[in-house]
């Protein structure tokens, strides 16, 4: 589910938001993957996820702000 929503998000997002989204989906995949990797400590994963969530929100707000700025400069001729 996280991967699917991440792919939907990156379809129209900036490179920066795409990068953070991929990091979140990779972390989620590593948590639920049973590829023989040694699982990370729960505290470590939660801290990393918390940081990525904050980074995602900050970048999303920057992207929305840029869209608003771009919209202000857009003119349509009738």
N, C-alpha and C. Protein backbone atom coordinates (compact mmCIF):
# COMPACT_ATOMS: atom_id res chain seq x y z
N UNK A 1 0.82 -1.19 0.00
CA UNK A 1 0.00 0.00 0.00
C UNK A 1 0.87 1.25 0.00
N UNK A 2 1.91 1.28 0.84
CA UNK A 2 2.78 2.45 0.89
C UNK A 2 3.46 2.66 -0.45
N UNK A 3 3.92 1.58 -1.06
CA UNK A 3 4.60 1.70 -2.35
C UNK A 3 3.66 2.21 -3.43
N UNK A 4 2.44 1.71 -3.44
CA UNK A 4 1.46 2.16 -4.43
C UNK A 4 1.17 3.64 -4.28
N UNK A 5 0.93 4.09 -3.07
CA UNK A 5 0.65 5.51 -2.84
C UNK A 5 1.88 6.36 -3.17
N UNK A 6 3.06 5.83 -2.88
CA UNK A 6 4.29 6.54 -3.22
C UNK A 6 4.42 6.72 -4.71
N UNK A 7 4.10 5.69 -5.48
CA UNK A 7 4.18 5.79 -6.94
C UNK A 7 3.16 6.79 -7.47
N UNK A 8 1.98 6.84 -6.88
CA UNK A 8 0.99 7.83 -7.29
C UNK A 8 1.50 9.24 -7.03
N UNK A 9 2.17 9.42 -5.90
CA UNK A 9 2.67 10.74 -5.50
C UNK A 9 3.75 11.23 -6.45
N UNK A 10 4.68 10.36 -6.83
CA UNK A 10 5.81 10.83 -7.63
C UNK A 10 5.44 11.10 -9.08
N UNK A 11 4.27 10.67 -9.51
CA UNK A 11 3.88 10.88 -10.90
C UNK A 11 3.88 12.36 -11.27
N UNK A 12 3.54 13.22 -10.35
CA UNK A 12 3.44 14.65 -10.65
C UNK A 12 4.24 15.52 -9.69
N UNK A 13 5.19 14.96 -9.00
CA UNK A 13 5.91 15.74 -7.98
C UNK A 13 7.30 16.17 -8.47
N UNK A 14 7.88 17.05 -7.71
CA UNK A 14 9.23 17.53 -8.02
C UNK A 14 10.25 16.42 -7.77
N UNK A 15 11.44 16.61 -8.30
CA UNK A 15 12.51 15.64 -8.07
C UNK A 15 12.81 15.49 -6.59
N UNK A 16 12.76 16.59 -5.86
CA UNK A 16 13.07 16.56 -4.44
C UNK A 16 12.03 15.75 -3.67
N UNK A 17 10.75 15.97 -3.98
CA UNK A 17 9.69 15.22 -3.30
C UNK A 17 9.73 13.76 -3.71
N UNK A 18 10.06 13.50 -4.95
CA UNK A 18 10.20 12.13 -5.43
C UNK A 18 11.28 11.40 -4.64
N UNK A 19 12.41 12.06 -4.40
CA UNK A 19 13.51 11.44 -3.65
C UNK A 19 13.07 11.04 -2.25
N UNK A 20 12.41 11.95 -1.55
CA UNK A 20 11.97 11.64 -0.18
C UNK A 20 10.91 10.54 -0.19
N UNK A 21 10.01 10.58 -1.17
CA UNK A 21 8.97 9.55 -1.28
C UNK A 21 9.60 8.18 -1.50
N UNK A 22 10.60 8.11 -2.38
CA UNK A 22 11.30 6.84 -2.60
C UNK A 22 11.98 6.36 -1.32
N UNK A 23 12.56 7.27 -0.56
CA UNK A 23 13.22 6.88 0.69
C UNK A 23 12.21 6.27 1.67
N UNK A 24 11.02 6.86 1.72
CA UNK A 24 9.97 6.33 2.61
C UNK A 24 9.52 4.96 2.13
N UNK A 25 9.29 4.81 0.82
CA UNK A 25 8.84 3.50 0.32
C UNK A 25 9.93 2.44 0.47
N UNK A 26 11.18 2.82 0.30
CA UNK A 26 12.28 1.87 0.51
C UNK A 26 12.35 1.42 1.96
N UNK A 27 12.16 2.36 2.88
CA UNK A 27 12.16 2.01 4.29
C UNK A 27 11.00 1.07 4.61
N UNK A 28 9.83 1.38 4.08
CA UNK A 28 8.66 0.52 4.31
C UNK A 28 8.91 -0.88 3.74
N UNK A 29 9.50 -0.92 2.55
CA UNK A 29 9.78 -2.22 1.93
C UNK A 29 10.78 -3.02 2.77
N UNK A 30 11.78 -2.33 3.31
CA UNK A 30 12.78 -3.03 4.12
C UNK A 30 12.18 -3.56 5.42
N UNK A 31 11.19 -2.87 5.94
CA UNK A 31 10.54 -3.32 7.17
C UNK A 31 9.76 -4.61 6.92
N UNK A 32 9.04 -4.65 5.80
CA UNK A 32 8.16 -5.77 5.53
C UNK A 32 8.79 -6.85 4.66
N UNK A 33 10.02 -6.63 4.23
CA UNK A 33 10.70 -7.59 3.37
C UNK A 33 11.31 -8.71 4.19
N UNK A 34 11.28 -9.88 3.65
CA UNK A 34 11.92 -11.02 4.33
C UNK A 34 13.02 -11.58 3.43
N UNK A 35 13.85 -10.70 2.90
CA UNK A 35 14.90 -11.12 1.98
C UNK A 35 16.15 -11.55 2.73
N UNK A 36 16.03 -11.88 3.99
CA UNK A 36 17.18 -12.34 4.75
C UNK A 36 18.02 -11.22 5.34
N UNK A 37 17.60 -9.98 5.11
CA UNK A 37 18.33 -8.86 5.70
C UNK A 37 18.07 -8.82 7.19
N UNK A 38 19.07 -8.45 7.92
CA UNK A 38 18.92 -8.31 9.37
C UNK A 38 17.99 -7.12 9.63
N UNK A 39 16.90 -7.32 10.33
CA UNK A 39 15.99 -6.20 10.59
C UNK A 39 16.65 -5.12 11.45
N UNK A 40 16.32 -3.88 11.15
CA UNK A 40 16.83 -2.76 11.94
C UNK A 40 16.12 -2.73 13.29
N UNK A 41 16.77 -2.13 14.24
CA UNK A 41 16.14 -1.95 15.54
C UNK A 41 14.91 -1.08 15.38
N UNK A 42 13.87 -1.38 16.09
CA UNK A 42 12.60 -0.66 15.96
C UNK A 42 12.77 0.83 16.21
N UNK A 43 13.52 1.20 17.23
CA UNK A 43 13.74 2.62 17.52
C UNK A 43 14.42 3.32 16.37
N UNK A 44 15.38 2.66 15.76
CA UNK A 44 16.11 3.22 14.63
C UNK A 44 15.16 3.47 13.45
N UNK A 45 14.32 2.51 13.16
CA UNK A 45 13.37 2.63 12.06
C UNK A 45 12.38 3.76 12.32
N UNK A 46 11.86 3.82 13.54
CA UNK A 46 10.89 4.86 13.88
C UNK A 46 11.51 6.25 13.79
N UNK A 47 12.75 6.40 14.23
CA UNK A 47 13.42 7.69 14.14
C UNK A 47 13.64 8.08 12.68
N UNK A 48 14.07 7.11 11.88
CA UNK A 48 14.30 7.38 10.46
C UNK A 48 12.99 7.74 9.76
N UNK A 49 11.94 7.02 10.06
CA UNK A 49 10.63 7.31 9.48
C UNK A 49 10.13 8.68 9.90
N UNK A 50 10.31 9.04 11.15
CA UNK A 50 9.89 10.34 11.65
C UNK A 50 10.63 11.46 10.90
N UNK A 51 11.92 11.29 10.72
CA UNK A 51 12.71 12.28 9.98
C UNK A 51 12.24 12.39 8.54
N UNK A 52 12.02 11.25 7.90
CA UNK A 52 11.56 11.27 6.50
C UNK A 52 10.18 11.90 6.36
N UNK A 53 9.30 11.64 7.32
CA UNK A 53 7.96 12.26 7.27
C UNK A 53 8.07 13.77 7.36
N UNK A 54 8.92 14.25 8.27
CA UNK A 54 9.10 15.71 8.38
C UNK A 54 9.69 16.28 7.10
N UNK A 55 10.69 15.60 6.54
CA UNK A 55 11.30 16.06 5.29
C UNK A 55 10.27 16.10 4.16
N UNK A 56 9.39 15.08 4.14
CA UNK A 56 8.37 15.01 3.09
C UNK A 56 7.41 16.19 3.19
N UNK A 57 6.95 16.48 4.40
CA UNK A 57 6.00 17.58 4.60
C UNK A 57 6.63 18.91 4.22
N UNK A 58 7.88 19.12 4.61
CA UNK A 58 8.57 20.37 4.28
C UNK A 58 8.68 20.51 2.76
N UNK A 59 9.08 19.44 2.09
CA UNK A 59 9.22 19.52 0.63
C UNK A 59 7.88 19.70 -0.05
N UNK A 60 6.85 19.03 0.44
CA UNK A 60 5.51 19.17 -0.13
C UNK A 60 5.05 20.63 -0.01
N UNK A 61 5.28 21.24 1.14
CA UNK A 61 4.89 22.64 1.32
C UNK A 61 5.66 23.55 0.37
N UNK A 62 6.94 23.27 0.15
CA UNK A 62 7.72 24.05 -0.81
C UNK A 62 7.15 23.91 -2.22
N UNK A 63 6.80 22.68 -2.59
CA UNK A 63 6.24 22.44 -3.92
C UNK A 63 4.90 23.15 -4.11
N UNK A 64 4.05 23.09 -3.10
CA UNK A 64 2.75 23.76 -3.18
C UNK A 64 2.94 25.27 -3.27
N UNK A 65 3.87 25.81 -2.52
CA UNK A 65 4.18 27.24 -2.57
C UNK A 65 4.65 27.64 -3.97
N UNK A 66 5.50 26.81 -4.56
CA UNK A 66 6.00 27.11 -5.91
C UNK A 66 4.87 27.07 -6.92
N UNK A 67 3.97 26.11 -6.79
CA UNK A 67 2.82 26.05 -7.70
C UNK A 67 1.99 27.33 -7.57
N UNK A 68 1.78 27.78 -6.35
CA UNK A 68 1.04 29.02 -6.12
C UNK A 68 1.74 30.21 -6.75
N UNK A 69 3.06 30.28 -6.60
CA UNK A 69 3.82 31.37 -7.21
C UNK A 69 3.75 31.31 -8.73
N UNK A 70 3.88 30.10 -9.28
CA UNK A 70 3.79 29.94 -10.73
C UNK A 70 2.40 30.34 -11.23
N UNK A 71 1.39 30.01 -10.48
CA UNK A 71 0.01 30.34 -10.88
C UNK A 71 -0.19 31.86 -10.91
N UNK A 72 0.43 32.57 -10.00
CA UNK A 72 0.30 34.04 -9.97
C UNK A 72 0.87 34.68 -11.21
N UNK A 73 1.92 34.07 -11.76
CA UNK A 73 2.57 34.65 -12.95
C UNK A 73 1.94 34.17 -14.26
N UNK A 74 1.03 33.24 -14.16
CA UNK A 74 0.38 32.69 -15.35
C UNK A 74 -0.75 33.61 -15.81
N UNK A 75 -0.77 33.92 -17.09
CA UNK A 75 -1.85 34.74 -17.65
C UNK A 75 -2.46 34.03 -18.83
N UNK A 76 -3.75 34.14 -18.94
CA UNK A 76 -4.48 33.57 -20.06
C UNK A 76 -5.06 34.72 -20.88
N UNK A 77 -4.89 34.62 -22.18
CA UNK A 77 -5.48 35.66 -23.03
C UNK A 77 -6.83 35.18 -23.52
N UNK A 78 -7.78 36.11 -23.52
CA UNK A 78 -9.14 35.77 -23.97
C UNK A 78 -9.37 36.25 -25.37
